[in-house]
Amino acid sequence: MKTTRKGLRDGELEKDTYERLTCAECGQALKTKNDPDEVYTVRRCPDCGTEWKELR
């Protein structure tokens, strides 16, 4: 699982006009899964299921 920063650099993620992260492949805004026991938040595309982690 890549980080959101690496996904942005590789072109897998894009930011929309409101600075929300979107999947470059599907064009959908990413959903957030926040586990309180982890140091990072998982960002997931609802269409293709690809996941990225975002450090807090």
N, C-alpha and C. Protein backbone atom coordinates (compact mmCIF):
# COMPACT_ATOMS: atom_id res chain seq x y z
N MET A 1 0.85 -1.17 0.00
CA MET A 1 0.00 0.00 0.00
C MET A 1 0.89 1.23 0.00
N LYS A 2 0.69 2.09 -0.98
CA LYS A 2 1.47 3.32 -1.11
C LYS A 2 0.87 4.42 -0.25
N THR A 3 1.66 5.46 -0.03
CA THR A 3 1.14 6.63 0.68
C THR A 3 0.44 7.55 -0.33
N THR A 4 -0.38 8.45 0.18
CA THR A 4 -1.10 9.37 -0.70
C THR A 4 -0.13 10.32 -1.41
N ARG A 5 0.95 10.70 -0.75
CA ARG A 5 1.95 11.57 -1.40
C ARG A 5 2.57 10.88 -2.61
N LYS A 6 2.94 9.61 -2.44
CA LYS A 6 3.53 8.87 -3.56
C LYS A 6 2.50 8.67 -4.67
N GLY A 7 1.25 8.45 -4.30
CA GLY A 7 0.18 8.32 -5.29
C GLY A 7 -0.01 9.59 -6.09
N LEU A 8 0.10 10.74 -5.44
CA LEU A 8 0.01 12.02 -6.15
C LEU A 8 1.18 12.21 -7.10
N ARG A 9 2.39 11.87 -6.63
CA ARG A 9 3.58 12.02 -7.49
C ARG A 9 3.54 11.08 -8.68
N ASP A 10 3.03 9.85 -8.49
CA ASP A 10 2.98 8.86 -9.56
C ASP A 10 1.81 9.06 -10.52
N GLY A 11 0.90 10.00 -10.19
CA GLY A 11 -0.24 10.26 -11.06
C GLY A 11 -1.42 9.35 -10.81
N GLU A 12 -1.38 8.55 -9.74
CA GLU A 12 -2.50 7.67 -9.42
C GLU A 12 -3.63 8.42 -8.72
N LEU A 13 -3.29 9.53 -8.07
CA LEU A 13 -4.26 10.37 -7.38
C LEU A 13 -4.20 11.78 -7.94
N GLU A 14 -5.33 12.47 -7.85
CA GLU A 14 -5.40 13.87 -8.27
C GLU A 14 -6.17 14.64 -7.20
N LYS A 15 -6.05 15.95 -7.22
CA LYS A 15 -6.84 16.79 -6.33
C LYS A 15 -7.86 17.54 -7.17
N ASP A 16 -9.10 17.61 -6.67
CA ASP A 16 -10.12 18.34 -7.40
C ASP A 16 -10.07 19.81 -7.02
N THR A 17 -11.03 20.57 -7.47
CA THR A 17 -11.02 22.02 -7.24
C THR A 17 -11.15 22.39 -5.77
N TYR A 18 -11.67 21.48 -4.96
CA TYR A 18 -11.80 21.73 -3.52
C TYR A 18 -10.70 21.06 -2.71
N GLU A 19 -9.61 20.63 -3.38
CA GLU A 19 -8.44 20.01 -2.76
C GLU A 19 -8.75 18.63 -2.17
N ARG A 20 -9.82 17.97 -2.63
CA ARG A 20 -10.11 16.60 -2.20
C ARG A 20 -9.34 15.64 -3.08
N LEU A 21 -8.89 14.53 -2.49
CA LEU A 21 -8.17 13.53 -3.26
C LEU A 21 -9.15 12.69 -4.06
N THR A 22 -8.84 12.49 -5.34
CA THR A 22 -9.66 11.66 -6.21
C THR A 22 -8.78 10.63 -6.90
N CYS A 23 -9.35 9.50 -7.23
CA CYS A 23 -8.65 8.45 -7.96
C CYS A 23 -8.53 8.89 -9.42
N ALA A 24 -7.33 8.85 -9.96
CA ALA A 24 -7.11 9.28 -11.34
C ALA A 24 -7.76 8.31 -12.33
N GLU A 25 -7.84 7.04 -11.97
CA GLU A 25 -8.40 6.04 -12.87
C GLU A 25 -9.92 6.13 -12.95
N CYS A 26 -10.57 6.30 -11.80
CA CYS A 26 -12.04 6.30 -11.74
C CYS A 26 -12.66 7.69 -11.70
N GLY A 27 -11.92 8.66 -11.15
CA GLY A 27 -12.45 10.01 -10.99
C GLY A 27 -13.32 10.18 -9.76
N GLN A 28 -13.34 9.19 -8.88
CA GLN A 28 -14.16 9.23 -7.67
C GLN A 28 -13.36 9.78 -6.49
N ALA A 29 -14.04 10.51 -5.60
CA ALA A 29 -13.41 11.00 -4.38
C ALA A 29 -13.14 9.82 -3.46
N LEU A 30 -12.01 9.87 -2.77
CA LEU A 30 -11.62 8.77 -1.89
C LEU A 30 -12.40 8.80 -0.58
N LYS A 31 -12.72 7.63 -0.07
CA LYS A 31 -13.36 7.47 1.23
C LYS A 31 -12.28 7.25 2.28
N THR A 32 -12.59 7.56 3.54
CA THR A 32 -11.62 7.47 4.62
C THR A 32 -12.02 6.39 5.60
N LYS A 33 -11.03 5.58 6.01
CA LYS A 33 -11.23 4.58 7.06
C LYS A 33 -10.20 4.88 8.14
N ASN A 34 -10.66 5.31 9.30
CA ASN A 34 -9.78 5.74 10.36
C ASN A 34 -9.77 4.72 11.49
N ASP A 35 -8.64 4.04 11.69
CA ASP A 35 -8.49 3.08 12.78
C ASP A 35 -7.72 3.78 13.90
N PRO A 36 -8.32 3.93 15.09
CA PRO A 36 -7.65 4.68 16.16
C PRO A 36 -6.36 4.04 16.67
N ASP A 37 -6.16 2.75 16.40
CA ASP A 37 -4.95 2.07 16.86
C ASP A 37 -3.78 2.23 15.90
N GLU A 38 -4.00 2.76 14.72
CA GLU A 38 -2.95 2.92 13.72
C GLU A 38 -2.47 4.36 13.65
N VAL A 39 -1.26 4.53 13.13
CA VAL A 39 -0.65 5.85 12.99
C VAL A 39 -1.14 6.54 11.71
N TYR A 40 -1.71 5.78 10.81
CA TYR A 40 -2.12 6.32 9.52
C TYR A 40 -3.62 6.09 9.28
N THR A 41 -4.16 6.82 8.32
CA THR A 41 -5.54 6.68 7.88
C THR A 41 -5.53 6.02 6.51
N VAL A 42 -6.43 5.09 6.28
CA VAL A 42 -6.52 4.42 4.99
C VAL A 42 -7.51 5.18 4.12
N ARG A 43 -7.07 5.57 2.92
CA ARG A 43 -7.93 6.24 1.93
C ARG A 43 -8.21 5.21 0.84
N ARG A 44 -9.49 5.01 0.49
CA ARG A 44 -9.89 3.95 -0.43
C ARG A 44 -10.80 4.50 -1.51
N CYS A 45 -10.58 4.05 -2.73
CA CYS A 45 -11.45 4.40 -3.85
C CYS A 45 -12.68 3.49 -3.80
N PRO A 46 -13.89 4.05 -3.81
CA PRO A 46 -15.09 3.21 -3.73
C PRO A 46 -15.35 2.37 -4.98
N ASP A 47 -14.84 2.78 -6.14
CA ASP A 47 -15.09 2.03 -7.37
C ASP A 47 -14.10 0.90 -7.59
N CYS A 48 -12.80 1.21 -7.62
CA CYS A 48 -11.81 0.18 -7.95
C CYS A 48 -11.23 -0.51 -6.73
N GLY A 49 -11.42 0.06 -5.53
CA GLY A 49 -10.96 -0.59 -4.30
C GLY A 49 -9.49 -0.39 -3.98
N THR A 50 -8.79 0.41 -4.75
CA THR A 50 -7.38 0.67 -4.46
C THR A 50 -7.26 1.49 -3.18
N GLU A 51 -6.24 1.15 -2.36
CA GLU A 51 -6.07 1.83 -1.07
C GLU A 51 -4.72 2.51 -0.99
N TRP A 52 -4.69 3.64 -0.30
CA TRP A 52 -3.47 4.38 0.00
C TRP A 52 -3.50 4.73 1.48
N LYS A 53 -2.34 4.87 2.08
CA LYS A 53 -2.33 5.29 3.48
C LYS A 53 -1.85 6.71 3.57
N GLU A 54 -2.45 7.43 4.52
CA GLU A 54 -2.14 8.84 4.72
C GLU A 54 -1.68 9.02 6.17
N LEU A 55 -0.45 9.45 6.33
CA LEU A 55 0.08 9.64 7.67
C LEU A 55 -0.58 10.83 8.34
N ARG A 56 -0.86 10.70 9.62
CA ARG A 56 -1.52 11.79 10.36
C ARG A 56 -0.52 12.75 10.88
